[in-house]
Amino acid sequence: MTPEPGMVLWVALGSRLPPGHEQSGERPALVVGVPGKLGVPRFPMLLVAPITSFAEQSWALRSPGLYPVMQAGSASLPRASVVLLDQL
């Protein structure tokens, strides 16, 4: 399988020390860019944005362009989720 923008993949995100608000662990993520398709990047990479469950968080509703909501069932997600574009 070749990742393409718009695909949802399961990824393993590392932990950050000190911990903050970043997502970590195994979770779905939206592929937002494949730099190797645009040119020759300095090192292999894939740009992804983590996805988390959506429970009507007001911060996501205030900025739908930055936190798009995915309905349950889309991309095989078991529940409504939000893409965290601020955590590329």
C-alpha atoms as a PDB file:
ATOM      1  CA  MET A   1       0.000   0.000   0.000  1.00  0.00           C
ATOM      2  CA  THR A   2       1.291   3.446  -0.921  1.00  0.00           C
ATOM      3  CA  PRO A   3       0.070   6.238   1.400  1.00  0.00           C
ATOM      4  CA  GLU A   4      -1.852   9.008  -0.338  1.00  0.00           C
ATOM      5  CA  PRO A   5      -3.184  12.309   1.059  1.00  0.00           C
ATOM      6  CA  GLY A   6      -6.648  11.774   2.505  1.00  0.00           C
ATOM      7  CA  MET A   7      -5.993   8.208   3.677  1.00  0.00           C
ATOM      8  CA  VAL A   8      -6.500   7.285   7.317  1.00  0.00           C
ATOM      9  CA  LEU A   9      -3.748   5.059   8.723  1.00  0.00           C
ATOM     10  CA  TRP A  10      -3.030   3.622  12.155  1.00  0.00           C
ATOM     11  CA  VAL A  11       0.240   5.082  13.422  1.00  0.00           C
ATOM     12  CA  ALA A  12       2.371   4.805  16.559  1.00  0.00           C
ATOM     13  CA  LEU A  13       3.127   8.278  17.895  1.00  0.00           C
ATOM     14  CA  GLY A  14       5.871   8.600  20.472  1.00  0.00           C
ATOM     15  CA  SER A  15       5.644  10.329  23.823  1.00  0.00           C
ATOM     16  CA  ARG A  16       6.905  13.830  24.486  1.00  0.00           C
ATOM     17  CA  LEU A  17       8.776  14.885  27.578  1.00  0.00           C
ATOM     18  CA  PRO A  18       7.645  16.935  29.282  1.00  0.00           C
ATOM     19  CA  PRO A  19       4.128  15.853  28.346  1.00  0.00           C
ATOM     20  CA  GLY A  20       1.775  18.432  26.911  1.00  0.00           C
ATOM     21  CA  HIS A  21      -1.425  18.213  24.910  1.00  0.00           C
ATOM     22  CA  GLU A  22       0.058  16.226  22.023  1.00  0.00           C
ATOM     23  CA  GLN A  23      -1.512  12.934  21.032  1.00  0.00           C
ATOM     24  CA  SER A  24       0.600   9.827  21.600  1.00  0.00           C
ATOM     25  CA  GLY A  25       0.366   6.059  21.337  1.00  0.00           C
ATOM     26  CA  GLU A  26      -1.298   4.016  18.611  1.00  0.00           C
ATOM     27  CA  ARG A  27      -4.140   5.896  16.939  1.00  0.00           C
ATOM     28  CA  PRO A  28      -5.634   6.784  13.584  1.00  0.00           C
ATOM     29  CA  ALA A  29      -4.053   9.641  11.649  1.00  0.00           C
ATOM     30  CA  LEU A  30      -4.954  11.438   8.432  1.00  0.00           C
ATOM     31  CA  VAL A  31      -2.277  11.545   5.729  1.00  0.00           C
ATOM     32  CA  VAL A  32      -1.970  15.207   4.740  1.00  0.00           C
ATOM     33  CA  GLY A  33       1.205  15.103   2.690  1.00  0.00           C
ATOM     34  CA  VAL A  34       3.694  12.822   0.999  1.00  0.00           C
ATOM     35  CA  PRO A  35       6.809  14.995   0.496  1.00  0.00           C
ATOM     36  CA  GLY A  36       8.477  12.359  -1.709  1.00  0.00           C
ATOM     37  CA  LYS A  37       5.784  12.972  -4.350  1.00  0.00           C
ATOM     38  CA  LEU A  38       6.765  16.641  -4.566  1.00  0.00           C
ATOM     39  CA  GLY A  39      10.515  16.261  -4.769  1.00  0.00           C
ATOM     40  CA  VAL A  40      13.411  14.657  -2.971  1.00  0.00           C
ATOM     41  CA  PRO A  41      13.099  15.338   0.779  1.00  0.00           C
ATOM     42  CA  ARG A  42      16.202  15.361   2.978  1.00  0.00           C
ATOM     43  CA  PHE A  43      14.924  12.214   4.724  1.00  0.00           C
ATOM     44  CA  PRO A  44      11.922   9.876   4.237  1.00  0.00           C
ATOM     45  CA  MET A  45       8.786  11.280   5.817  1.00  0.00           C
ATOM     46  CA  LEU A  46       5.030  11.252   5.746  1.00  0.00           C
ATOM     47  CA  LEU A  47       2.990  14.197   7.075  1.00  0.00           C
ATOM     48  CA  VAL A  48       0.079  13.043   9.217  1.00  0.00           C
ATOM     49  CA  ALA A  49      -2.389  14.669  11.605  1.00  0.00           C
ATOM     50  CA  PRO A  50      -3.589  12.615  14.579  1.00  0.00           C
ATOM     51  CA  ILE A  51      -7.274  11.857  14.972  1.00  0.00           C
ATOM     52  CA  THR A  52      -9.040  11.731  18.334  1.00  0.00           C
ATOM     53  CA  SER A  53     -12.600  10.983  19.411  1.00  0.00           C
ATOM     54  CA  PHE A  54     -15.037  13.866  19.131  1.00  0.00           C
ATOM     55  CA  ALA A  55     -17.370  14.640  21.992  1.00  0.00           C
ATOM     56  CA  GLU A  56     -18.734  18.032  20.900  1.00  0.00           C
ATOM     57  CA  GLN A  57     -15.634  19.863  22.111  1.00  0.00           C
ATOM     58  CA  SER A  58     -16.325  23.583  21.751  1.00  0.00           C
ATOM     59  CA  TRP A  59     -12.737  24.300  20.656  1.00  0.00           C
ATOM     60  CA  ALA A  60     -13.224  22.061  17.606  1.00  0.00           C
ATOM     61  CA  LEU A  61     -16.610  23.559  16.749  1.00  0.00           C
ATOM     62  CA  ARG A  62     -15.181  27.113  16.852  1.00  0.00           C
ATOM     63  CA  SER A  63     -12.536  26.288  14.217  1.00  0.00           C
ATOM     64  CA  PRO A  64     -13.884  23.636  11.818  1.00  0.00           C
ATOM     65  CA  GLY A  65     -11.201  24.433   9.215  1.00  0.00           C
ATOM     66  CA  LEU A  66      -8.471  23.572  11.714  1.00  0.00           C
ATOM     67  CA  TYR A  67     -10.317  20.691  13.412  1.00  0.00           C
ATOM     68  CA  PRO A  68     -12.422  18.899  10.774  1.00  0.00           C
ATOM     69  CA  VAL A  69     -14.911  16.388  12.162  1.00  0.00           C
ATOM     70  CA  MET A  70     -15.158  12.897  10.661  1.00  0.00           C
ATOM     71  CA  GLN A  71     -18.445  11.075  11.176  1.00  0.00           C
ATOM     72  CA  ALA A  72     -18.561   7.593  12.713  1.00  0.00           C
ATOM     73  CA  GLY A  73     -18.043   4.994  10.016  1.00  0.00           C
ATOM     74  CA  SER A  74     -16.019   7.205   7.693  1.00  0.00           C
ATOM     75  CA  ALA A  75     -12.578   5.660   7.068  1.00  0.00           C
ATOM     76  CA  SER A  76     -13.729   2.785   9.332  1.00  0.00           C
ATOM     77  CA  LEU A  77     -13.627   5.014  12.428  1.00  0.00           C
ATOM     78  CA  PRO A  78     -15.855   3.511  15.146  1.00  0.00           C
ATOM     79  CA  ARG A  79     -17.089   6.891  16.434  1.00  0.00           C
ATOM     80  CA  ALA A  80     -17.207  10.536  15.438  1.00  0.00           C
ATOM     81  CA  SER A  81     -13.676  11.922  15.491  1.00  0.00           C
ATOM     82  CA  VAL A  82     -11.788  15.152  14.976  1.00  0.00           C
ATOM     83  CA  VAL A  83      -8.581  15.628  12.978  1.00  0.00           C
ATOM     84  CA  LEU A  84      -6.011  17.667  14.915  1.00  0.00           C
ATOM     85  CA  LEU A  85      -4.391  19.669  12.119  1.00  0.00           C
ATOM     86  CA  ASP A  86      -2.482  21.697  14.710  1.00  0.00           C
ATOM     87  CA  GLN A  87      -0.443  18.579  15.559  1.00  0.00           C
ATOM     88  CA  LEU A  88       1.155  17.734  12.196  1.00  0.00           C
END
